[in-house]
Amino acid sequence: MKMNVNEEISMPLLILVGIILLTQSIFLFTDARRNGHNYWLWGIIGLIQAPMPTIFYLAFVRKIWKKDR
């Protein structure tokens, strides 16, 4: 059976996206657990989309930039 060009490209791309989402989810889960946040929520959200959950988590939950007063 001959593979279409789109099928040849889509399989490695799907594997790459899966690795990125899994890595992001593991990072969010472990970091949220370490910092006392809702770690199951962040782990599941990390599996849905990239990179917005990580950006949102770091910016608003962890507050990586803090104002010096």
N, C-alpha and C. Protein backbone atom coordinates (compact mmCIF):
# COMPACT_ATOMS: atom_id res chain seq x y z
N MET A 1 0.85 -1.18 0.00
CA MET A 1 0.00 0.00 0.00
C MET A 1 0.89 1.24 0.00
N LYS A 2 0.63 2.13 -0.92
CA LYS A 2 1.43 3.33 -1.06
C LYS A 2 0.87 4.44 -0.18
N MET A 3 1.79 5.11 0.56
CA MET A 3 1.37 6.20 1.45
C MET A 3 1.32 7.52 0.68
N ASN A 4 0.36 8.31 1.02
CA ASN A 4 0.22 9.63 0.46
C ASN A 4 1.26 10.55 1.10
N VAL A 5 1.64 11.63 0.43
CA VAL A 5 2.62 12.57 0.98
C VAL A 5 2.11 13.16 2.29
N ASN A 6 0.84 13.46 2.36
CA ASN A 6 0.27 14.02 3.59
C ASN A 6 0.34 13.02 4.74
N GLU A 7 0.16 11.75 4.46
CA GLU A 7 0.24 10.73 5.49
C GLU A 7 1.66 10.56 5.99
N GLU A 8 2.64 10.71 5.10
CA GLU A 8 4.04 10.60 5.49
C GLU A 8 4.45 11.73 6.42
N ILE A 9 3.92 12.91 6.20
CA ILE A 9 4.25 14.07 7.02
C ILE A 9 3.45 14.06 8.32
N SER A 10 2.20 13.64 8.26
CA SER A 10 1.33 13.78 9.42
C SER A 10 1.71 12.86 10.58
N MET A 11 2.22 11.68 10.33
CA MET A 11 2.55 10.76 11.41
C MET A 11 3.69 11.29 12.29
N PRO A 12 4.83 11.70 11.73
CA PRO A 12 5.88 12.28 12.60
C PRO A 12 5.42 13.56 13.29
N LEU A 13 4.58 14.34 12.62
CA LEU A 13 4.07 15.56 13.22
C LEU A 13 3.17 15.25 14.41
N LEU A 14 2.32 14.24 14.28
CA LEU A 14 1.46 13.85 15.40
C LEU A 14 2.27 13.32 16.58
N ILE A 15 3.33 12.59 16.29
CA ILE A 15 4.19 12.09 17.36
C ILE A 15 4.88 13.25 18.07
N LEU A 16 5.36 14.23 17.31
CA LEU A 16 6.01 15.40 17.90
C LEU A 16 5.05 16.20 18.76
N VAL A 17 3.83 16.42 18.27
CA VAL A 17 2.83 17.15 19.05
C VAL A 17 2.49 16.39 20.33
N GLY A 18 2.37 15.08 20.23
CA GLY A 18 2.09 14.27 21.42
C GLY A 18 3.20 14.38 22.46
N ILE A 19 4.45 14.36 22.01
CA ILE A 19 5.58 14.51 22.94
C ILE A 19 5.57 15.87 23.59
N ILE A 20 5.30 16.92 22.82
CA ILE A 20 5.25 18.28 23.37
C ILE A 20 4.15 18.40 24.41
N LEU A 21 2.95 17.90 24.11
CA LEU A 21 1.84 18.00 25.04
C LEU A 21 2.09 17.19 26.31
N LEU A 22 2.66 16.01 26.17
CA LEU A 22 2.95 15.17 27.33
C LEU A 22 4.02 15.81 28.21
N THR A 23 5.06 16.36 27.60
CA THR A 23 6.11 17.04 28.36
C THR A 23 5.55 18.26 29.09
N GLN A 24 4.74 19.05 28.42
CA GLN A 24 4.12 20.21 29.04
C GLN A 24 3.23 19.80 30.21
N SER A 25 2.45 18.76 30.03
CA SER A 25 1.55 18.29 31.08
C SER A 25 2.33 17.81 32.31
N ILE A 26 3.41 17.07 32.08
CA ILE A 26 4.22 16.59 33.20
C ILE A 26 4.86 17.76 33.94
N PHE A 27 5.36 18.75 33.19
CA PHE A 27 5.95 19.93 33.83
C PHE A 27 4.92 20.66 34.68
N LEU A 28 3.75 20.93 34.11
CA LEU A 28 2.72 21.66 34.85
C LEU A 28 2.27 20.88 36.08
N PHE A 29 2.09 19.57 35.94
CA PHE A 29 1.66 18.73 37.06
C PHE A 29 2.67 18.77 38.20
N THR A 30 3.94 18.54 37.89
CA THR A 30 4.96 18.49 38.95
C THR A 30 5.20 19.86 39.57
N ASP A 31 5.22 20.91 38.77
CA ASP A 31 5.46 22.24 39.30
C ASP A 31 4.29 22.71 40.15
N ALA A 32 3.08 22.47 39.71
CA ALA A 32 1.90 22.86 40.49
C ALA A 32 1.84 22.08 41.80
N ARG A 33 2.20 20.82 41.76
CA ARG A 33 2.21 20.01 42.98
C ARG A 33 3.25 20.53 43.97
N ARG A 34 4.43 20.87 43.47
CA ARG A 34 5.50 21.37 44.31
C ARG A 34 5.14 22.72 44.95
N ASN A 35 4.37 23.54 44.24
CA ASN A 35 4.03 24.87 44.72
C ASN A 35 2.66 24.97 45.37
N GLY A 36 1.99 23.85 45.56
CA GLY A 36 0.73 23.83 46.28
C GLY A 36 -0.48 24.31 45.50
N HIS A 37 -0.45 24.17 44.19
CA HIS A 37 -1.60 24.55 43.38
C HIS A 37 -2.39 23.30 43.01
N ASN A 38 -3.47 23.47 42.29
CA ASN A 38 -4.32 22.36 41.89
C ASN A 38 -3.62 21.58 40.76
N TYR A 39 -2.81 20.59 41.13
CA TYR A 39 -1.93 19.94 40.17
C TYR A 39 -2.65 19.06 39.16
N TRP A 40 -3.75 18.40 39.56
CA TRP A 40 -4.48 17.58 38.59
C TRP A 40 -5.09 18.44 37.49
N LEU A 41 -5.61 19.57 37.87
CA LEU A 41 -6.19 20.49 36.89
C LEU A 41 -5.15 20.93 35.87
N TRP A 42 -3.98 21.35 36.37
CA TRP A 42 -2.94 21.84 35.47
C TRP A 42 -2.37 20.72 34.61
N GLY A 43 -2.29 19.52 35.14
CA GLY A 43 -1.81 18.40 34.34
C GLY A 43 -2.74 18.07 33.19
N ILE A 44 -4.05 18.10 33.45
CA ILE A 44 -5.04 17.82 32.41
C ILE A 44 -5.09 18.95 31.39
N ILE A 45 -5.06 20.18 31.86
CA ILE A 45 -5.08 21.32 30.94
C ILE A 45 -3.85 21.30 30.05
N GLY A 46 -2.71 20.86 30.59
CA GLY A 46 -1.49 20.78 29.80
C GLY A 46 -1.57 19.78 28.66
N LEU A 47 -2.47 18.81 28.75
CA LEU A 47 -2.63 17.83 27.67
C LEU A 47 -3.49 18.33 26.52
N ILE A 48 -4.17 19.44 26.72
CA ILE A 48 -5.15 19.89 25.74
C ILE A 48 -4.55 20.77 24.65
N GLN A 49 -3.71 21.73 25.05
CA GLN A 49 -3.23 22.73 24.10
C GLN A 49 -1.84 23.17 24.51
N ALA A 50 -1.04 23.59 23.55
CA ALA A 50 0.29 24.14 23.83
C ALA A 50 0.44 25.43 23.04
N PRO A 51 1.13 26.38 23.50
CA PRO A 51 1.82 26.59 24.76
C PRO A 51 1.05 27.47 25.73
N MET A 52 -0.20 27.78 25.43
CA MET A 52 -0.96 28.72 26.26
C MET A 52 -1.11 28.30 27.73
N PRO A 53 -1.35 27.04 28.07
CA PRO A 53 -1.45 26.69 29.49
C PRO A 53 -0.17 26.98 30.26
N THR A 54 0.98 26.73 29.66
CA THR A 54 2.25 27.00 30.33
C THR A 54 2.46 28.49 30.52
N ILE A 55 2.17 29.27 29.49
CA ILE A 55 2.32 30.73 29.59
C ILE A 55 1.37 31.27 30.65
N PHE A 56 0.12 30.83 30.64
CA PHE A 56 -0.86 31.30 31.62
C PHE A 56 -0.44 30.90 33.04
N TYR A 57 0.01 29.66 33.21
CA TYR A 57 0.44 29.17 34.52
C TYR A 57 1.61 29.99 35.06
N LEU A 58 2.61 30.19 34.23
CA LEU A 58 3.79 30.93 34.68
C LEU A 58 3.48 32.41 34.94
N ALA A 59 2.61 32.99 34.14
CA ALA A 59 2.33 34.41 34.26
C ALA A 59 1.36 34.74 35.39
N PHE A 60 0.31 33.95 35.54
CA PHE A 60 -0.74 34.33 36.48
C PHE A 60 -0.79 33.48 37.75
N VAL A 61 -0.39 32.23 37.66
CA VAL A 61 -0.44 31.37 38.85
C VAL A 61 0.87 31.47 39.62
N ARG A 62 1.98 31.27 38.93
CA ARG A 62 3.28 31.34 39.59
C ARG A 62 3.77 32.78 39.73
N LYS A 63 3.25 33.68 38.88
CA LYS A 63 3.64 35.10 38.89
C LYS A 63 5.16 35.24 38.83
N ILE A 64 5.73 34.83 37.70
CA ILE A 64 7.19 34.81 37.56
C ILE A 64 7.78 36.21 37.56
N TRP A 65 6.98 37.21 37.22
CA TRP A 65 7.49 38.56 37.37
C TRP A 65 6.74 39.19 38.54
N LYS A 66 7.49 39.71 39.46
CA LYS A 66 6.88 40.32 40.64
C LYS A 66 7.35 41.77 40.72
N LYS A 67 6.43 42.64 41.06
CA LYS A 67 6.79 44.04 41.22
C LYS A 67 7.56 44.22 42.51
N ASP A 68 8.66 44.94 42.41
CA ASP A 68 9.42 45.29 43.61
C ASP A 68 8.86 46.59 44.16
N ARG A 69 8.51 46.57 45.42
CA ARG A 69 7.93 47.79 46.02
C ARG A 69 8.88 48.35 47.03
